[in-house]
Amino acid sequence: MKKLIQVKGMSCKHCVMHVTEALGEVPGVTDVVVSLEGGTATVDTNAPVTNEVLAAAITDVGYTPGPVTDL
């Protein structure tokens, strides 16, 4: 399953790295692509992962998650 998450508060490549690492550590996540320009993260999973868990991972590293869209 693929999800697109809005991420607010990123301003540099280090922000992208933090969000990428945080989402990559969530059990079930197999791939993460974060776009600084788009303010988004695209996440692939091989197991069910709730939107709340993904949002918490983003919040835990200091950014604000926005809407999550199933792709």
C-alpha atoms as a PDB file:
ATOM      1  CA  MET A   1       0.000   0.000   0.000  1.00  0.00           C
ATOM      2  CA  LYS A   2       1.233   3.492  -0.822  1.00  0.00           C
ATOM      3  CA  LYS A   3       0.343   6.657   1.092  1.00  0.00           C
ATOM      4  CA  LEU A   4       1.029  10.343   0.459  1.00  0.00           C
ATOM      5  CA  ILE A   5       1.450  12.483   3.577  1.00  0.00           C
ATOM      6  CA  GLN A   6       1.616  16.266   3.737  1.00  0.00           C
ATOM      7  CA  VAL A   7       4.510  17.399   5.960  1.00  0.00           C
ATOM      8  CA  LYS A   8       4.662  20.979   7.231  1.00  0.00           C
ATOM      9  CA  GLY A   9       7.724  22.708   8.642  1.00  0.00           C
ATOM     10  CA  MET A  10      10.506  21.270   6.473  1.00  0.00           C
ATOM     11  CA  SER A  11      12.993  23.864   5.245  1.00  0.00           C
ATOM     12  CA  CYS A  12      16.209  22.038   4.279  1.00  0.00           C
ATOM     13  CA  LYS A  13      17.781  18.715   3.306  1.00  0.00           C
ATOM     14  CA  HIS A  14      18.337  17.884   6.979  1.00  0.00           C
ATOM     15  CA  CYS A  15      14.588  18.125   7.552  1.00  0.00           C
ATOM     16  CA  VAL A  16      14.066  15.686   4.684  1.00  0.00           C
ATOM     17  CA  MET A  17      16.610  13.320   6.249  1.00  0.00           C
ATOM     18  CA  HIS A  18      14.905  13.427   9.656  1.00  0.00           C
ATOM     19  CA  VAL A  19      11.451  12.728   8.231  1.00  0.00           C
ATOM     20  CA  THR A  20      12.802   9.973   5.958  1.00  0.00           C
ATOM     21  CA  GLU A  21      14.557   8.236   8.846  1.00  0.00           C
ATOM     22  CA  ALA A  22      11.570   8.574  11.192  1.00  0.00           C
ATOM     23  CA  LEU A  23       9.105   7.103   8.705  1.00  0.00           C
ATOM     24  CA  GLY A  24      11.581   4.417   7.667  1.00  0.00           C
ATOM     25  CA  GLU A  25      11.741   3.143  11.249  1.00  0.00           C
ATOM     26  CA  VAL A  26       7.975   2.493  11.388  1.00  0.00           C
ATOM     27  CA  PRO A  27       7.334  -1.279  11.281  1.00  0.00           C
ATOM     28  CA  GLY A  28       5.835  -2.255   7.937  1.00  0.00           C
ATOM     29  CA  VAL A  29       7.285   0.693   6.000  1.00  0.00           C
ATOM     30  CA  THR A  30       9.434  -0.513   3.094  1.00  0.00           C
ATOM     31  CA  ASP A  31      10.243   2.729   1.243  1.00  0.00           C
ATOM     32  CA  VAL A  32      10.064   6.459   1.919  1.00  0.00           C
ATOM     33  CA  VAL A  33      10.481   9.344  -0.533  1.00  0.00           C
ATOM     34  CA  VAL A  34      10.303  12.852   0.940  1.00  0.00           C
ATOM     35  CA  SER A  35       9.951  15.961  -1.228  1.00  0.00           C
ATOM     36  CA  LEU A  36      11.115  19.228   0.298  1.00  0.00           C
ATOM     37  CA  GLU A  37       9.658  21.237  -2.587  1.00  0.00           C
ATOM     38  CA  GLY A  38       6.291  19.501  -2.417  1.00  0.00           C
ATOM     39  CA  GLY A  39       6.176  19.255   1.364  1.00  0.00           C
ATOM     40  CA  THR A  40       5.198  15.609   1.104  1.00  0.00           C
ATOM     41  CA  ALA A  41       6.305  12.116   2.012  1.00  0.00           C
ATOM     42  CA  THR A  42       5.361   9.066  -0.030  1.00  0.00           C
ATOM     43  CA  VAL A  43       5.439   5.849   1.983  1.00  0.00           C
ATOM     44  CA  ASP A  44       5.242   2.256   0.734  1.00  0.00           C
ATOM     45  CA  THR A  45       4.230  -0.451   3.188  1.00  0.00           C
ATOM     46  CA  ASN A  46       4.105  -4.243   3.132  1.00  0.00           C
ATOM     47  CA  ALA A  47       1.840  -4.470   6.183  1.00  0.00           C
ATOM     48  CA  PRO A  48      -1.058  -2.401   7.515  1.00  0.00           C
ATOM     49  CA  VAL A  49       0.198   0.878   9.008  1.00  0.00           C
ATOM     50  CA  THR A  50      -2.307   3.374  10.378  1.00  0.00           C
ATOM     51  CA  ASN A  51      -2.271   7.023   9.430  1.00  0.00           C
ATOM     52  CA  GLU A  52      -1.985   7.846  13.135  1.00  0.00           C
ATOM     53  CA  VAL A  53       1.270   5.891  13.460  1.00  0.00           C
ATOM     54  CA  LEU A  54       2.757   7.670  10.444  1.00  0.00           C
ATOM     55  CA  ALA A  55       1.635  11.060  11.777  1.00  0.00           C
ATOM     56  CA  ALA A  56       3.159  10.298  15.182  1.00  0.00           C
ATOM     57  CA  ALA A  57       6.518   9.460  13.582  1.00  0.00           C
ATOM     58  CA  ILE A  58       6.523  12.845  11.837  1.00  0.00           C
ATOM     59  CA  THR A  59       5.458  14.695  14.986  1.00  0.00           C
ATOM     60  CA  ASP A  60       8.130  12.936  17.055  1.00  0.00           C
ATOM     61  CA  VAL A  61      10.893  14.515  14.941  1.00  0.00           C
ATOM     62  CA  GLY A  62       9.407  18.010  15.150  1.00  0.00           C
ATOM     63  CA  TYR A  63       7.303  18.422  12.023  1.00  0.00           C
ATOM     64  CA  THR A  64       3.570  18.771  11.486  1.00  0.00           C
ATOM     65  CA  PRO A  65       1.766  16.055   9.554  1.00  0.00           C
ATOM     66  CA  GLY A  66      -1.080  17.049   7.303  1.00  0.00           C
ATOM     67  CA  PRO A  67      -3.650  14.979   5.443  1.00  0.00           C
ATOM     68  CA  VAL A  68      -2.801  11.406   4.428  1.00  0.00           C
ATOM     69  CA  THR A  69      -4.003  10.121   1.058  1.00  0.00           C
ATOM     70  CA  ASP A  70      -4.056   6.466   0.029  1.00  0.00           C
ATOM     71  CA  LEU A  71      -2.539   6.093  -3.433  1.00  0.00           C
END
